[in-house]
Amino acid sequence: MHHVHVFLLVAGAVLVAAGCRRRGWSAPLVVVATGIVVSLVPGVPRFDVDPEVLLEFVLPPLLYSAALSSSYRDFRSALNSITRLGVGLVLVSALAVALVFWWLEAVPFAVALVLGAVVAPPDAVAAAAVGRRLGLPRRVMTLLSGESLINDATSLTLYKVALTGAATGAWALGSGLGTFGLAVVVGVGGGLALGWAVHVLRLRLDDPVVASAVGFLTPFAAYWSAEALGGSGVLAVVAAGLYLGHTSPRAGYATRLYQEPLWSTADLLLEAFTFALIGVQLPWVVRDVVESDQGLGHGVVVSLVVLAVALLVRPIYVFATVWFDDLRLPGSHRPARDSLSVRESAVVSWAGMRGVVTLAAAAAIPATLDGEPFPERATIQLAAYTVAIGTLLLQGLTLPGVITRLRVGSAQEAADDAAQEAAVRVATADAVQAYFESRRPQLVQAMGAQQADDAITRLSAGWRARAAAAAVMLDPEHADDLLPDGVSRQDASRALGPLDGASAERLAPGAAGRKIHSVRAGVIAAQREVLMAHRDAGDLDEAVMRRMMRELDLEEESMASSWIARLRD
């Protein structure tokens, strides 16, 4: 396969994905379908991509990007549900598929378990795209993304254990549990250690380009180092991503503004490539079955049976293990109000589309085992691709209808977010007032007592007015409780006129303007501290905090590019 062919595959997949984004379609489904159609065109070459490339160069950045954008607090709150799906469901699905394949094909159970491990882990990319578009509640999105972050580690560990068992002819439960335990401890521990080191480094870097480059290298360092030590590279990447995402407000504003488009672009390229590869490889997998002695008709029947098992196990398991969410695992802090409803569980049970891990693991099955052909390898690969494409098309195409018909939405969540934002904006105004008072001596020395008092009064009034207006607009129902004493709703609505920081800079000449520029930077820092404090206390959702944090980042960026910043430099 020539490198030009890979470039054309990626470029074509990106073009298709771009069209889907513009029209609001589910890009993974359309890219897979397009890949299947293109593969049938005469002259299209076979794309033999080394599975290690997918596991070591495609999977880590995708997982890391998802972990960065996930909420650590939400992840902890949903730890029960994430564990029962990301670990329990993967094991049950793998065993169910293995038992059926073992019964149908009469192969060693370890060989059947290889197929089970390959098709067990869902990929939340397609489900998350649909969920965001249709407004699924955040707790459902957290569960789906959290499941996809850890189920790959479970399935890949089981995959290694099953391959070892197939090679040796012996199956040892104790050895498998030991391998899994080592993978968890080394993976999570190594990922957190690396995340801490990268965080300390980025706090000392004043160049956002270099900091972003370090961040881009982080998932590969986490994955490879953990794998070299016998741990789970997937868990290392997830742990590092969750830690760095949680601590990102401590990094420089420019680093955050640089990294967001960087990872969005990487996600688009890698996801488009992966789903296109799934589509274009299917006909070649079918041809491998035809050329083998296993029979295409028999392989298709077995593959459809495996697909049916994979589709049925998930909803049965999801509803049969609801009680597990009532347990309290170490580190889990799920409030009772965040438990999934029956309708939400139904949506989760139908969001089991497979993706990159199934593709890579199926391709990585060795051709020989102890010098002999791997039993039923062509049929196993056909079954894996059938599950991947079948779940993407069947569940992916019908999931929007399921969500709409069950009326699973996030209207109340939007109202809660607005109430949280209104309350925190008032709290930031209090913090700004306290900061101004702490800077009074320096301002008096720089511009005189009268001008300093006037600047503090007008600036405080400006931020107070903005907070009051936010309380009225964001949360009208509780605005009276949020407004300062003596300020009515009408006053708040008219209060956006007082002087703000940028106006003060324009009116204050020379050194005074530069001093106020410095004060504005302190004001932004004070507001960031309030946002992080309320997030850590559980009063502010991570998504709301990041939205408000972006406002502060953009404000600080505008300050850095202002004429006063140039004079200061």
Protein backbone atom coordinates (compact mmCIF):
# COMPACT_ATOMS: atom_id res chain seq x y z
CA MET A 1 0.00 0.00 0.00
CA HIS A 2 1.50 3.31 -1.09
CA HIS A 3 1.56 6.30 1.24
CA VAL A 4 -0.33 8.31 -1.40
CA HIS A 5 -3.23 5.89 -1.04
CA VAL A 6 -3.33 6.53 2.72
CA PHE A 7 -3.31 10.27 2.10
CA LEU A 8 -6.18 9.99 -0.37
CA LEU A 9 -8.13 7.83 2.09
CA VAL A 10 -7.69 10.38 4.88
CA ALA A 11 -8.43 13.35 2.61
CA GLY A 12 -11.58 11.73 1.24
CA ALA A 13 -12.77 10.75 4.70
CA VAL A 14 -12.23 14.30 5.98
CA LEU A 15 -14.21 15.74 3.06
CA VAL A 16 -17.09 13.37 3.79
CA ALA A 17 -16.94 14.18 7.50
CA ALA A 18 -16.90 17.91 6.72
CA GLY A 19 -20.04 17.55 4.66
CA CYS A 20 -21.70 15.61 7.50
CA ARG A 21 -20.77 18.28 10.05
CA ARG A 22 -22.27 20.96 7.83
CA ARG A 23 -25.55 19.07 7.44
CA GLY A 24 -25.74 17.77 11.00
CA TRP A 25 -25.39 14.12 10.03
CA SER A 26 -23.58 11.43 11.99
CA ALA A 27 -20.13 11.46 10.37
CA PRO A 28 -18.97 7.96 11.50
CA LEU A 29 -21.94 6.25 9.86
CA VAL A 30 -21.66 8.11 6.57
CA VAL A 31 -17.87 7.67 6.42
CA VAL A 32 -18.19 3.89 6.96
CA ALA A 33 -20.91 3.59 4.32
CA THR A 34 -18.87 5.67 1.88
CA GLY A 35 -15.82 3.50 2.54
CA ILE A 36 -17.77 0.34 1.71
CA VAL A 37 -19.00 1.87 -1.56
CA VAL A 38 -15.52 3.10 -2.53
CA SER A 39 -13.97 -0.30 -1.79
CA LEU A 40 -16.21 -1.87 -4.44
CA VAL A 41 -14.80 0.38 -7.17
CA PRO A 42 -12.40 -1.58 -9.41
CA GLY A 43 -8.77 -0.65 -8.88
CA VAL A 44 -9.11 0.47 -5.26
CA PRO A 45 -6.16 -1.12 -3.41
CA ARG A 46 -6.28 -3.09 -0.21
CA PHE A 47 -5.40 -0.96 2.82
CA ASP A 48 -3.20 -3.19 4.95
CA VAL A 49 -2.49 -0.99 7.95
CA ASP A 50 -0.33 -2.43 10.70
CA PRO A 51 -2.65 -2.93 13.71
CA GLU A 52 0.13 -1.66 15.98
CA VAL A 53 -0.17 1.68 14.19
CA LEU A 54 -3.83 1.87 15.18
CA LEU A 55 -3.19 0.82 18.77
CA GLU A 56 -0.09 2.95 19.34
CA PHE A 57 -0.62 6.01 17.13
CA VAL A 58 -4.39 6.36 16.60
CA LEU A 59 -5.94 5.12 19.85
CA PRO A 60 -3.83 7.12 22.39
CA PRO A 61 -4.58 10.63 21.05
CA LEU A 62 -8.27 9.82 20.64
CA LEU A 63 -8.51 8.59 24.25
CA TYR A 64 -6.42 11.47 25.56
CA SER A 65 -8.54 14.09 23.83
CA ALA A 66 -11.71 12.51 25.21
CA ALA A 67 -10.22 12.38 28.71
CA LEU A 68 -9.09 16.02 28.53
CA SER A 69 -12.62 17.15 27.72
CA SER A 70 -14.20 14.91 30.37
CA SER A 71 -15.01 16.04 33.88
CA TYR A 72 -13.01 14.35 36.62
CA ARG A 73 -15.77 15.09 39.16
CA ASP A 74 -18.46 13.70 36.87
CA PHE A 75 -16.29 10.66 36.21
CA ARG A 76 -16.01 10.00 39.95
CA SER A 77 -19.74 10.56 40.43
CA ALA A 78 -20.54 8.01 37.74
CA LEU A 79 -17.80 5.57 38.73
CA ASN A 80 -20.31 2.84 39.67
CA SER A 81 -22.05 2.93 36.30
CA ILE A 82 -18.81 3.39 34.38
CA THR A 83 -17.27 0.37 36.12
CA ARG A 84 -20.24 -1.91 35.58
CA LEU A 85 -20.25 -1.08 31.87
CA GLY A 86 -16.56 -0.50 31.20
CA VAL A 87 -15.47 -3.65 33.05
CA GLY A 88 -18.48 -5.85 33.81
CA LEU A 89 -20.28 -5.49 30.49
CA VAL A 90 -17.08 -6.04 28.51
CA LEU A 91 -16.38 -9.30 30.37
CA VAL A 92 -19.97 -10.53 30.07
CA SER A 93 -20.16 -9.62 26.36
CA ALA A 94 -16.85 -11.33 25.66
CA LEU A 95 -17.88 -14.50 27.50
CA ALA A 96 -21.30 -14.61 25.82
CA VAL A 97 -19.81 -14.23 22.33
CA ALA A 98 -17.05 -16.74 23.16
CA LEU A 99 -19.52 -19.36 24.37
CA VAL A 100 -21.67 -19.01 21.23
CA PHE A 101 -18.68 -19.12 18.89
CA TRP A 102 -17.17 -22.05 20.79
CA TRP A 103 -20.46 -23.95 20.48
CA LEU A 104 -20.83 -23.16 16.77
CA GLU A 105 -17.23 -23.75 15.67
CA ALA A 106 -15.90 -26.33 18.17
CA VAL A 107 -12.63 -24.41 18.59
CA PRO A 108 -10.62 -24.17 21.83
CA PHE A 109 -12.36 -21.84 24.26
CA ALA A 110 -9.35 -19.50 24.41
CA VAL A 111 -9.62 -19.03 20.65
CA ALA A 112 -13.32 -18.23 20.96
CA LEU A 113 -12.48 -15.79 23.75
CA VAL A 114 -10.18 -13.92 21.37
CA LEU A 115 -13.23 -13.08 19.26
CA GLY A 116 -15.19 -12.17 22.38
CA ALA A 117 -12.51 -9.74 23.51
CA VAL A 118 -12.28 -8.21 20.03
CA VAL A 119 -15.99 -7.36 19.71
CA ALA A 120 -16.72 -6.51 23.34
CA PRO A 121 -15.70 -2.81 23.68
CA PRO A 122 -18.06 -0.14 22.27
CA ASP A 123 -16.70 3.11 20.89
CA ALA A 124 -18.60 6.18 22.08
CA VAL A 125 -17.59 8.45 19.17
CA ALA A 126 -20.71 7.85 17.11
CA ALA A 127 -23.02 7.74 20.15
CA ALA A 128 -21.52 10.94 21.57
CA ALA A 129 -22.00 12.74 18.26
CA VAL A 130 -25.67 11.79 18.21
CA GLY A 131 -26.10 12.58 21.90
CA ARG A 132 -24.61 16.07 21.62
CA ARG A 133 -26.77 16.87 18.63
CA LEU A 134 -29.98 15.73 20.33
CA GLY A 135 -29.15 17.14 23.77
CA LEU A 136 -28.73 14.02 25.90
CA PRO A 137 -28.39 14.76 29.64
CA ARG A 138 -24.83 15.25 30.81
CA ARG A 139 -24.93 12.22 33.13
CA VAL A 140 -25.74 9.99 30.12
CA MET A 141 -22.93 11.53 28.08
CA THR A 142 -20.58 11.12 31.05
CA LEU A 143 -21.47 7.43 31.32
CA LEU A 144 -20.99 6.77 27.61
CA SER A 145 -17.68 8.62 27.42
CA GLY A 146 -16.44 7.14 30.71
CA GLU A 147 -17.32 3.64 29.55
CA SER A 148 -15.38 4.13 26.32
CA LEU A 149 -12.36 5.41 28.26
CA ILE A 150 -11.88 2.24 30.31
CA ASN A 151 -13.53 -0.56 28.33
CA ASP A 152 -10.66 -0.61 25.84
CA ALA A 153 -8.25 -1.44 28.67
CA THR A 154 -10.49 -4.29 29.83
CA SER A 155 -10.91 -5.77 26.37
CA LEU A 156 -7.26 -5.43 25.35
CA THR A 157 -6.11 -7.06 28.59
CA LEU A 158 -8.58 -9.91 28.07
CA TYR A 159 -7.42 -10.13 24.46
CA LYS A 160 -3.79 -10.62 25.54
CA VAL A 161 -4.81 -13.24 28.11
CA ALA A 162 -6.91 -15.11 25.52
CA LEU A 163 -4.07 -15.09 22.97
CA THR A 164 -1.70 -16.46 25.59
CA GLY A 165 -4.21 -19.16 26.45
CA ALA A 166 -4.68 -20.04 22.77
CA ALA A 167 -0.90 -20.30 22.31
CA THR A 168 -0.23 -22.40 25.43
CA GLY A 169 -3.43 -24.39 25.48
CA ALA A 170 -3.91 -23.58 29.15
CA TRP A 171 -6.42 -21.24 30.72
CA ALA A 172 -5.53 -19.86 34.18
CA LEU A 173 -8.05 -17.58 35.89
CA GLY A 174 -5.56 -16.53 38.55
CA SER A 175 -3.00 -15.54 35.94
CA GLY A 176 -5.60 -13.53 34.06
CA LEU A 177 -6.67 -11.65 37.19
CA GLY A 178 -3.04 -10.95 38.03
CA THR A 179 -2.42 -9.57 34.56
CA PHE A 180 -5.49 -7.36 34.83
CA GLY A 181 -4.53 -6.11 38.30
CA LEU A 182 -1.01 -5.25 37.15
CA ALA A 183 -2.40 -3.46 34.12
CA VAL A 184 -4.68 -1.31 36.30
CA VAL A 185 -2.11 -0.42 38.96
CA VAL A 186 0.76 0.33 36.60
CA GLY A 187 -1.45 2.02 34.03
CA VAL A 188 -3.29 4.35 36.40
CA GLY A 189 -0.24 5.02 38.57
CA GLY A 190 2.03 5.70 35.62
CA GLY A 191 -0.54 7.91 33.92
CA LEU A 192 -1.07 10.04 37.04
CA ALA A 193 2.69 10.38 37.58
CA LEU A 194 3.23 11.48 34.00
CA GLY A 195 0.24 13.83 34.19
CA TRP A 196 1.66 15.47 37.30
CA ALA A 197 5.06 15.89 35.64
CA VAL A 198 3.53 17.45 32.52
CA HIS A 199 1.40 19.79 34.66
CA VAL A 200 4.44 20.99 36.61
CA LEU A 201 6.27 21.52 33.32
CA ARG A 202 3.51 23.50 31.65
CA LEU A 203 3.24 25.80 34.69
CA ARG A 204 6.85 26.77 34.02
CA LEU A 205 6.47 27.22 30.26
CA ASP A 206 5.55 30.68 29.01
CA ASP A 207 5.37 29.60 25.37
CA PRO A 208 1.94 28.17 24.49
CA VAL A 209 3.25 26.58 21.30
CA VAL A 210 5.84 24.58 23.23
CA ALA A 211 3.30 23.71 25.95
CA SER A 212 0.87 22.48 23.29
CA ALA A 213 3.62 20.40 21.69
CA VAL A 214 4.35 18.79 25.07
CA GLY A 215 0.65 18.08 25.46
CA PHE A 216 0.51 16.50 22.02
CA LEU A 217 3.34 14.11 22.94
CA THR A 218 1.82 13.19 26.31
CA PRO A 219 -0.61 10.42 25.20
CA PHE A 220 2.11 8.56 23.33
CA ALA A 221 4.52 8.80 26.26
CA ALA A 222 1.82 7.56 28.64
CA TYR A 223 0.80 4.65 26.42
CA TRP A 224 4.27 3.41 25.53
CA SER A 225 5.74 3.74 29.01
CA ALA A 226 2.85 1.87 30.65
CA GLU A 227 2.94 -0.91 28.06
CA ALA A 228 6.70 -1.27 28.52
CA LEU A 229 6.17 -1.78 32.28
CA GLY A 230 3.42 -4.37 31.84
CA GLY A 231 0.58 -1.96 32.54
CA SER A 232 -2.38 -0.79 30.50
CA GLY A 233 -1.41 1.96 28.09
CA VAL A 234 -5.07 2.83 27.69
CA LEU A 235 -5.56 3.45 31.41
CA ALA A 236 -2.33 5.45 31.54
CA VAL A 237 -3.56 7.73 28.77
CA VAL A 238 -6.96 8.13 30.42
CA ALA A 239 -5.48 8.85 33.86
CA ALA A 240 -3.07 11.44 32.44
CA GLY A 241 -5.83 13.07 30.39
CA LEU A 242 -8.28 13.29 33.29
CA TYR A 243 -5.62 14.78 35.58
CA LEU A 244 -4.41 17.35 33.06
CA GLY A 245 -7.96 18.27 32.09
CA HIS A 246 -8.90 18.81 35.74
CA THR A 247 -5.82 20.96 36.42
CA SER A 248 -5.88 22.86 33.11
CA PRO A 249 -7.35 26.03 34.72
CA ARG A 250 -4.00 26.41 36.49
CA ALA A 251 -2.16 26.54 33.16
CA GLY A 252 -1.77 29.67 31.08
CA TYR A 253 -4.76 30.98 29.17
CA ALA A 254 -2.90 30.80 25.84
CA THR A 255 -2.17 27.10 26.31
CA ARG A 256 -5.87 26.35 26.72
CA LEU A 257 -6.79 28.45 23.69
CA TYR A 258 -4.12 26.73 21.59
CA GLN A 259 -4.93 23.16 22.65
CA GLU A 260 -8.68 23.19 22.04
CA PRO A 261 -8.51 23.59 18.21
CA LEU A 262 -5.42 21.37 18.10
CA TRP A 263 -7.20 18.38 19.62
CA SER A 264 -10.43 19.04 17.71
CA THR A 265 -8.47 18.87 14.47
CA ALA A 266 -6.63 15.71 15.53
CA ASP A 267 -9.94 14.06 16.49
CA LEU A 268 -11.47 14.85 13.11
CA LEU A 269 -8.50 13.41 11.19
CA LEU A 270 -8.10 10.26 13.28
CA GLU A 271 -11.80 9.44 13.55
CA ALA A 272 -12.38 9.98 9.84
CA PHE A 273 -9.40 7.76 8.99
CA THR A 274 -10.51 4.99 11.37
CA PHE A 275 -14.10 4.75 10.20
CA ALA A 276 -13.07 5.01 6.54
CA LEU A 277 -10.63 2.14 7.12
CA ILE A 278 -13.41 0.00 8.60
CA GLY A 279 -15.48 0.54 5.49
CA VAL A 280 -12.82 -0.04 2.84
CA GLN A 281 -11.46 -3.20 4.47
CA LEU A 282 -14.73 -5.13 4.67
CA PRO A 283 -14.72 -6.53 1.09
CA TRP A 284 -11.14 -7.73 1.54
CA VAL A 285 -12.07 -9.52 4.75
CA VAL A 286 -14.90 -11.21 2.85
CA ARG A 287 -12.42 -12.27 0.14
CA ASP A 288 -10.15 -13.78 2.79
CA VAL A 289 -13.03 -15.94 3.97
CA VAL A 290 -13.79 -16.99 0.40
CA GLU A 291 -10.17 -17.98 -0.18
CA SER A 292 -10.03 -19.94 3.08
CA ASP A 293 -11.51 -23.38 3.60
CA GLN A 294 -14.07 -22.08 6.08
CA GLY A 295 -16.80 -21.19 3.57
CA LEU A 296 -18.38 -17.78 3.01
CA GLY A 297 -21.93 -18.91 3.70
CA HIS A 298 -20.96 -20.48 6.99
CA GLY A 299 -18.88 -17.42 7.91
CA VAL A 300 -21.75 -15.04 7.21
CA VAL A 301 -24.16 -17.08 9.33
CA VAL A 302 -21.71 -17.24 12.23
CA SER A 303 -21.01 -13.51 11.91
CA LEU A 304 -24.70 -12.60 12.01
CA VAL A 305 -25.21 -14.81 15.08
CA VAL A 306 -22.30 -13.09 16.82
CA LEU A 307 -23.76 -9.69 15.87
CA ALA A 308 -27.13 -10.70 17.33
CA VAL A 309 -25.47 -11.80 20.58
CA ALA A 310 -23.52 -8.54 20.82
CA LEU A 311 -26.71 -6.53 20.28
CA LEU A 312 -28.77 -8.48 22.82
CA VAL A 313 -26.27 -8.79 25.66
CA ARG A 314 -25.93 -5.05 26.23
CA PRO A 315 -29.60 -4.16 27.00
CA ILE A 316 -30.07 -7.32 29.07
CA TYR A 317 -26.97 -6.53 31.13
CA VAL A 318 -27.74 -2.81 31.50
CA PHE A 319 -31.19 -3.41 32.98
CA ALA A 320 -30.18 -6.50 34.98
CA THR A 321 -27.40 -4.63 36.81
CA VAL A 322 -29.13 -1.35 37.62
CA TRP A 323 -28.89 -2.23 41.31
CA PHE A 324 -25.11 -1.93 41.09
CA ASP A 325 -25.40 1.85 40.92
CA ASP A 326 -26.74 1.86 44.49
CA LEU A 327 -23.46 0.46 45.78
CA ARG A 328 -20.68 2.84 46.76
CA LEU A 329 -17.32 1.94 45.30
CA PRO A 330 -14.18 3.61 46.69
CA GLY A 331 -13.91 7.03 45.09
CA SER A 332 -17.53 7.06 43.87
CA HIS A 333 -19.69 9.99 44.95
CA ARG A 334 -22.82 9.64 42.88
CA PRO A 335 -25.77 11.64 44.30
CA ALA A 336 -29.09 9.82 44.24
CA ARG A 337 -30.55 12.42 41.86
CA ASP A 338 -27.97 11.50 39.24
CA SER A 339 -29.09 7.87 38.91
CA LEU A 340 -30.21 7.02 35.40
CA SER A 341 -33.92 6.79 34.69
CA VAL A 342 -35.43 3.82 32.84
CA ARG A 343 -35.56 5.84 29.62
CA GLU A 344 -31.95 6.93 29.97
CA SER A 345 -30.90 3.33 30.62
CA ALA A 346 -32.72 2.33 27.43
CA VAL A 347 -30.70 4.88 25.45
CA VAL A 348 -27.45 3.65 27.02
CA SER A 349 -28.36 0.05 26.24
CA TRP A 350 -28.71 0.91 22.54
CA ALA A 351 -25.49 2.95 22.30
CA GLY A 352 -23.09 0.06 21.73
CA MET A 353 -21.42 0.91 18.43
CA ARG A 354 -17.95 -0.60 17.95
CA GLY A 355 -14.91 1.21 16.57
CA VAL A 356 -11.13 1.47 16.48
CA VAL A 357 -10.24 -1.18 19.09
CA THR A 358 -12.37 -3.84 17.39
CA LEU A 359 -10.77 -2.99 14.06
CA ALA A 360 -7.18 -3.03 15.38
CA ALA A 361 -7.56 -6.14 17.54
CA ALA A 362 -9.18 -8.10 14.70
CA ALA A 363 -6.36 -7.16 12.33
CA ALA A 364 -3.75 -8.07 14.97
CA ILE A 365 -4.85 -11.70 15.33
CA PRO A 366 -1.75 -13.71 14.34
CA ALA A 367 -1.88 -15.72 11.14
CA THR A 368 -0.23 -18.72 12.81
CA LEU A 369 -0.26 -20.29 16.25
CA ASP A 370 2.69 -22.53 17.12
CA GLY A 371 3.45 -22.90 13.43
CA GLU A 372 -0.13 -23.85 12.58
CA PRO A 373 -2.77 -21.56 11.02
CA PHE A 374 -4.76 -19.70 13.67
CA PRO A 375 -8.09 -21.57 14.01
CA GLU A 376 -10.93 -19.93 12.07
CA ARG A 377 -8.97 -16.67 11.73
CA ALA A 378 -10.79 -15.49 8.60
CA THR A 379 -14.19 -16.21 10.14
CA ILE A 380 -13.22 -14.45 13.37
CA GLN A 381 -12.15 -11.36 11.43
CA LEU A 382 -15.34 -11.40 9.36
CA ALA A 383 -17.41 -11.66 12.55
CA ALA A 384 -15.49 -8.75 14.10
CA TYR A 385 -16.05 -6.52 11.07
CA THR A 386 -19.70 -7.56 10.91
CA VAL A 387 -20.19 -6.53 14.53
CA ALA A 388 -18.37 -3.23 14.00
CA ILE A 389 -20.22 -2.24 10.85
CA GLY A 390 -23.51 -3.81 11.92
CA THR A 391 -23.64 -1.93 15.23
CA LEU A 392 -22.57 1.32 13.57
CA LEU A 393 -25.31 1.10 10.97
CA LEU A 394 -28.09 -0.56 12.95
CA GLN A 395 -27.69 1.23 16.26
CA GLY A 396 -26.19 4.39 14.82
CA LEU A 397 -29.06 4.94 12.38
CA THR A 398 -31.79 4.16 14.90
CA LEU A 399 -30.30 5.80 18.02
CA PRO A 400 -31.63 9.30 17.16
CA GLY A 401 -35.12 7.86 16.81
CA VAL A 402 -34.79 6.02 20.13
CA ILE A 403 -33.72 9.21 21.90
CA THR A 404 -36.51 11.24 20.30
CA ARG A 405 -39.21 8.64 20.91
CA LEU A 406 -38.23 8.18 24.56
CA ARG A 407 -38.05 11.98 24.98
CA VAL A 408 -34.72 11.88 26.75
CA GLY A 409 -33.51 15.47 26.93
CA SER A 410 -31.63 17.95 29.05
CA ALA A 411 -34.05 20.87 29.44
CA GLN A 412 -33.86 20.79 33.24
CA GLU A 413 -30.10 20.49 33.03
CA ALA A 414 -29.92 23.70 31.00
CA ALA A 415 -31.98 25.48 33.64
CA ASP A 416 -29.71 24.16 36.39
CA ASP A 417 -26.65 25.34 34.46
CA ALA A 418 -28.11 28.81 34.13
CA ALA A 419 -28.85 28.96 37.86
CA GLN A 420 -25.31 27.84 38.70
CA GLU A 421 -23.78 30.37 36.34
CA ALA A 422 -25.88 33.22 37.74
CA ALA A 423 -24.89 32.39 41.32
CA VAL A 424 -21.20 32.05 40.48
CA ARG A 425 -21.16 35.31 38.52
CA VAL A 426 -22.42 37.06 41.66
CA ALA A 427 -19.69 35.30 43.64
CA THR A 428 -17.04 36.45 41.16
CA ALA A 429 -18.25 40.03 41.60
CA ASP A 430 -17.68 39.69 45.34
CA ALA A 431 -14.17 38.36 44.68
CA VAL A 432 -13.46 41.25 42.31
CA GLN A 433 -14.59 43.76 44.94
CA ALA A 434 -12.26 42.15 47.50
CA TYR A 435 -9.40 42.22 45.02
CA PHE A 436 -9.87 45.92 44.28
CA GLU A 437 -9.78 46.71 47.98
CA SER A 438 -6.57 44.71 48.39
CA ARG A 439 -4.94 46.79 45.64
CA ARG A 440 -6.02 50.17 47.02
CA PRO A 441 -2.58 51.12 48.46
CA GLN A 442 -0.81 50.48 45.16
CA LEU A 443 -3.43 52.39 43.19
CA VAL A 444 -3.27 55.34 45.58
CA GLN A 445 0.49 55.46 45.17
CA ALA A 446 0.23 55.28 41.38
CA MET A 447 -2.59 57.77 40.70
CA GLY A 448 -3.49 59.54 43.93
CA ALA A 449 -6.19 58.93 46.50
CA GLN A 450 -9.07 60.62 44.67
CA GLN A 451 -8.42 58.99 41.30
CA ALA A 452 -7.82 55.62 42.94
CA ASP A 453 -11.11 55.82 44.86
CA ASP A 454 -12.92 56.83 41.69
CA ALA A 455 -11.36 53.96 39.68
CA ILE A 456 -12.16 51.38 42.36
CA THR A 457 -15.74 52.60 42.71
CA ARG A 458 -16.42 52.66 39.00
CA LEU A 459 -14.70 49.35 38.26
CA SER A 460 -16.46 47.61 41.16
CA ALA A 461 -19.77 48.99 40.02
CA GLY A 462 -19.11 47.75 36.50
CA TRP A 463 -18.45 44.17 37.57
CA ARG A 464 -21.30 44.26 40.08
CA ALA A 465 -23.63 45.46 37.33
CA ARG A 466 -22.54 42.68 35.00
CA ALA A 467 -23.18 40.09 37.71
CA ALA A 468 -26.61 41.57 38.49
CA ALA A 469 -27.56 41.60 34.82
CA ALA A 470 -26.44 37.97 34.51
CA ALA A 471 -28.60 37.01 37.50
CA VAL A 472 -31.65 38.59 35.87
CA MET A 473 -31.05 37.13 32.41
CA LEU A 474 -29.79 33.66 33.35
CA ASP A 475 -31.99 32.82 36.30
CA PRO A 476 -35.05 35.11 36.43
CA GLU A 477 -36.83 32.82 38.90
CA HIS A 478 -34.21 33.35 41.61
CA ALA A 479 -32.91 36.75 40.54
CA ASP A 480 -34.28 38.51 43.64
CA ASP A 481 -32.21 36.24 45.88
CA LEU A 482 -29.06 36.88 43.86
CA LEU A 483 -29.30 40.65 43.43
CA PRO A 484 -27.42 42.91 45.86
CA ASP A 485 -29.42 44.68 48.55
CA GLY A 486 -31.24 47.71 47.23
CA VAL A 487 -30.88 46.68 43.56
CA SER A 488 -34.08 45.86 41.70
CA ARG A 489 -34.46 43.85 38.53
CA GLN A 490 -35.04 47.03 36.57
CA ASP A 491 -31.89 48.58 38.01
CA ALA A 492 -29.89 45.49 37.07
CA SER A 493 -31.23 45.53 33.54
CA ARG A 494 -30.04 49.14 33.15
CA ALA A 495 -26.77 48.60 34.98
CA LEU A 496 -24.59 47.48 32.12
CA GLY A 497 -23.50 51.04 31.46
CA PRO A 498 -20.97 51.63 34.29
CA LEU A 499 -17.29 51.73 33.47
CA ASP A 500 -15.59 48.41 32.85
CA GLY A 501 -11.90 47.55 32.83
CA ALA A 502 -11.29 48.22 29.15
CA SER A 503 -12.96 51.65 29.37
CA ALA A 504 -10.86 52.49 32.40
CA GLU A 505 -7.71 51.66 30.48
CA ARG A 506 -8.75 53.93 27.63
CA LEU A 507 -9.48 56.85 29.97
CA ALA A 508 -6.46 56.45 32.25
CA PRO A 509 -3.36 57.91 30.61
CA GLY A 510 0.22 56.64 30.65
CA ALA A 511 1.40 54.82 33.75
CA ALA A 512 -2.07 54.89 35.29
CA GLY A 513 -3.46 53.01 32.29
CA ARG A 514 -0.72 50.43 32.57
CA LYS A 515 -1.46 50.06 36.28
CA ILE A 516 -5.14 49.43 35.60
CA HIS A 517 -4.09 46.95 32.90
CA SER A 518 -2.22 45.06 35.62
CA VAL A 519 -5.24 45.27 37.89
CA ARG A 520 -7.45 43.78 35.20
CA ALA A 521 -5.12 40.80 34.98
CA GLY A 522 -5.49 40.35 38.73
CA VAL A 523 -9.26 40.61 38.42
CA ILE A 524 -9.30 37.79 35.87
CA ALA A 525 -7.11 35.66 38.13
CA ALA A 526 -9.47 36.29 41.07
CA GLN A 527 -12.44 35.20 38.96
CA ARG A 528 -10.66 32.03 37.89
CA GLU A 529 -10.01 31.12 41.51
CA VAL A 530 -13.73 31.52 42.26
CA LEU A 531 -14.67 29.27 39.34
CA MET A 532 -12.27 26.53 40.42
CA ALA A 533 -13.32 26.78 44.06
CA HIS A 534 -17.01 26.38 43.20
CA ARG A 535 -16.25 23.52 40.83
CA ASP A 536 -14.23 21.68 43.45
CA ALA A 537 -16.99 22.28 46.02
CA GLY A 538 -19.56 20.75 43.66
CA ASP A 539 -21.52 23.97 43.19
CA LEU A 540 -20.52 24.46 39.56
CA ASP A 541 -20.61 21.86 36.82
CA GLU A 542 -17.41 21.31 34.88
CA ALA A 543 -19.04 22.21 31.55
CA VAL A 544 -20.34 25.51 32.93
CA MET A 545 -16.97 26.29 34.49
CA ARG A 546 -15.14 25.68 31.22
CA ARG A 547 -17.58 27.88 29.34
CA MET A 548 -17.02 30.71 31.80
CA MET A 549 -13.29 30.04 31.88
CA ARG A 550 -13.14 30.48 28.12
CA GLU A 551 -14.68 33.94 28.48
CA LEU A 552 -11.88 34.88 30.86
CA ASP A 553 -9.26 33.39 28.54
CA LEU A 554 -10.54 35.42 25.61
CA GLU A 555 -10.62 38.55 27.76
CA GLU A 556 -7.02 37.98 28.83
CA GLU A 557 -6.03 37.36 25.22
CA SER A 558 -7.57 40.69 24.21
CA MET A 559 -5.58 42.36 26.99
CA ALA A 560 -2.36 40.76 25.80
CA SER A 561 -2.90 42.18 22.29
CA SER A 562 -3.97 45.68 23.40
CA TRP A 563 -1.88 48.83 22.85
CA ILE A 564 -1.24 49.09 26.58
CA ALA A 565 0.35 45.64 26.58
CA ARG A 566 2.59 46.76 23.73
CA LEU A 567 3.60 49.88 25.70
CA ARG A 568 4.33 47.74 28.73
CA ASP A 569 6.54 45.46 26.66
